[in-house]
C-alpha atoms as a PDB file:
ATOM      1  CA  MET A   1       0.000   0.000   0.000  1.00  0.00           C
ATOM      2  CA  ASP A   2       1.338   3.401  -0.895  1.00  0.00           C
ATOM      3  CA  SER A   3       0.357   6.955  -0.028  1.00  0.00           C
ATOM      4  CA  GLN A   4      -1.886   7.264  -3.110  1.00  0.00           C
ATOM      5  CA  THR A   5      -4.003   4.384  -1.820  1.00  0.00           C
ATOM      6  CA  ILE A   6      -4.377   6.176   1.511  1.00  0.00           C
ATOM      7  CA  VAL A   7      -5.388   9.364  -0.333  1.00  0.00           C
ATOM      8  CA  ASN A   8      -8.012   7.407  -2.284  1.00  0.00           C
ATOM      9  CA  LEU A   9      -9.363   5.925   0.963  1.00  0.00           C
ATOM     10  CA  ILE A  10      -9.680   9.342   2.617  1.00  0.00           C
ATOM     11  CA  VAL A  11     -11.376  10.812  -0.472  1.00  0.00           C
ATOM     12  CA  ALA A  12     -13.834   7.904  -0.676  1.00  0.00           C
ATOM     13  CA  ILE A  13     -14.824   8.280   2.970  1.00  0.00           C
ATOM     14  CA  ALA A  14     -15.131  12.068   2.790  1.00  0.00           C
ATOM     15  CA  ARG A  15     -17.170  12.101  -0.432  1.00  0.00           C
ATOM     16  CA  ASP A  16     -19.796   9.893   1.181  1.00  0.00           C
ATOM     17  CA  LEU A  17     -20.208  12.440   3.984  1.00  0.00           C
ATOM     18  CA  VAL A  18     -20.348  15.780   2.150  1.00  0.00           C
ATOM     19  CA  ASP A  19     -22.763  17.574  -0.187  1.00  0.00           C
ATOM     20  CA  GLU A  20     -20.091  19.249  -2.354  1.00  0.00           C
ATOM     21  CA  LYS A  21     -18.218  16.158  -3.514  1.00  0.00           C
ATOM     22  CA  ASP A  22     -16.034  18.094  -5.979  1.00  0.00           C
ATOM     23  CA  ALA A  23     -14.628  20.213  -3.143  1.00  0.00           C
ATOM     24  CA  VAL A  24     -13.027  17.196  -1.432  1.00  0.00           C
ATOM     25  CA  ASN A  25      -9.244  17.358  -1.771  1.00  0.00           C
ATOM     26  CA  VAL A  26      -6.442  15.527   0.023  1.00  0.00           C
ATOM     27  CA  THR A  27      -2.800  16.555   0.096  1.00  0.00           C
ATOM     28  CA  ALA A  28       0.123  14.777   1.712  1.00  0.00           C
ATOM     29  CA  ASP A  29       3.209  16.205   3.387  1.00  0.00           C
ATOM     30  CA  GLU A  30       6.644  14.722   2.946  1.00  0.00           C
ATOM     31  CA  PRO A  31       7.401  11.998   5.512  1.00  0.00           C
ATOM     32  CA  ALA A  32       8.715  13.338   8.832  1.00  0.00           C
ATOM     33  CA  GLU A  33      11.924  12.090  10.447  1.00  0.00           C
ATOM     34  CA  ASP A  34      10.043   9.259  12.151  1.00  0.00           C
ATOM     35  CA  GLY A  35       8.385   8.272   8.847  1.00  0.00           C
ATOM     36  CA  THR A  36       4.959   9.709   9.618  1.00  0.00           C
ATOM     37  CA  ILE A  37       3.082  11.108   6.638  1.00  0.00           C
ATOM     38  CA  VAL A  38       0.490  13.795   7.391  1.00  0.00           C
ATOM     39  CA  PHE A  39      -2.526  13.882   5.086  1.00  0.00           C
ATOM     40  CA  HIS A  40      -4.600  17.083   4.928  1.00  0.00           C
ATOM     41  CA  LEU A  41      -8.295  16.707   4.092  1.00  0.00           C
ATOM     42  CA  HIS A  42      -9.880  19.819   2.599  1.00  0.00           C
ATOM     43  CA  VAL A  43     -13.654  20.140   2.229  1.00  0.00           C
ATOM     44  CA  ALA A  44     -16.053  23.002   1.531  1.00  0.00           C
ATOM     45  CA  ALA A  45     -16.717  25.272   4.494  1.00  0.00           C
ATOM     46  CA  ASP A  46     -20.389  24.236   4.603  1.00  0.00           C
ATOM     47  CA  ASP A  47     -19.396  20.559   4.851  1.00  0.00           C
ATOM     48  CA  MET A  48     -16.833  20.957   7.617  1.00  0.00           C
ATOM     49  CA  GLY A  49     -19.358  20.083  10.331  1.00  0.00           C
ATOM     50  CA  ARG A  50     -20.365  16.905   8.529  1.00  0.00           C
ATOM     51  CA  VAL A  51     -16.761  15.698   8.377  1.00  0.00           C
ATOM     52  CA  ILE A  52     -15.937  16.607  11.967  1.00  0.00           C
ATOM     53  CA  GLY A  53     -19.211  15.414  13.507  1.00  0.00           C
ATOM     54  CA  LYS A  54     -20.550  15.977  16.993  1.00  0.00           C
ATOM     55  CA  GLN A  55     -17.668  16.299  19.435  1.00  0.00           C
ATOM     56  CA  GLY A  56     -15.299  15.202  16.642  1.00  0.00           C
ATOM     57  CA  ARG A  57     -16.602  11.646  16.526  1.00  0.00           C
ATOM     58  CA  ILE A  58     -16.621  11.336  12.726  1.00  0.00           C
ATOM     59  CA  ALA A  59     -13.162  12.906  12.433  1.00  0.00           C
ATOM     60  CA  LYS A  60     -11.868  10.470  15.023  1.00  0.00           C
ATOM     61  CA  ALA A  61     -13.451   7.549  13.152  1.00  0.00           C
ATOM     62  CA  ILE A  62     -11.856   8.675   9.869  1.00  0.00           C
ATOM     63  CA  ARG A  63      -8.462   8.893  11.558  1.00  0.00           C
ATOM     64  CA  THR A  64      -8.907   5.433  13.120  1.00  0.00           C
ATOM     65  CA  VAL A  65      -9.842   3.747   9.834  1.00  0.00           C
ATOM     66  CA  VAL A  66      -7.018   5.402   7.908  1.00  0.00           C
ATOM     67  CA  ARG A  67      -4.477   4.656  10.632  1.00  0.00           C
ATOM     68  CA  ALA A  68      -5.574   0.993  10.722  1.00  0.00           C
ATOM     69  CA  ALA A  69      -5.244   0.626   6.948  1.00  0.00           C
ATOM     70  CA  ALA A  70      -1.834   2.289   6.943  1.00  0.00           C
ATOM     71  CA  ASN A  71      -0.657   0.312   9.963  1.00  0.00           C
ATOM     72  CA  LYS A  72      -1.496  -2.918   8.162  1.00  0.00           C
ATOM     73  CA  ALA A  73       0.851  -1.776   5.387  1.00  0.00           C
ATOM     74  CA  GLY A  74       3.567  -0.734   7.845  1.00  0.00           C
ATOM     75  CA  MET A  75       3.043   3.008   7.371  1.00  0.00           C
ATOM     76  CA  LYS A  76       2.668   5.751   9.969  1.00  0.00           C
ATOM     77  CA  VAL A  77       0.054   8.331   9.065  1.00  0.00           C
ATOM     78  CA  ALA A  78      -1.908  11.205  10.548  1.00  0.00           C
ATOM     79  CA  VAL A  79      -5.010  12.902   9.143  1.00  0.00           C
ATOM     80  CA  GLU A  80      -5.695  16.588   9.633  1.00  0.00           C
ATOM     81  CA  ILE A  81      -8.941  18.209   8.570  1.00  0.00           C
ATOM     82  CA  ASP A  82      -8.419  21.712   7.203  1.00  0.00           C
END
């Protein structure tokens, strides 16, 4: 599994949650010294609440799923919602 697969996973999850599907965009930073890759999820301002959820529950679930998929492939990742 590579970083593009992780990007595709994040986009697939986010598009199912938002109204403006074309506004979903994911960028990735270069790996940090410890090998962690930070992915930045960008959505339309009106959809931000849908992606974060009440008390951040949906955001936490997205991070958990992505981290589990990456961990299975031996990658360290983090997801930030911008």
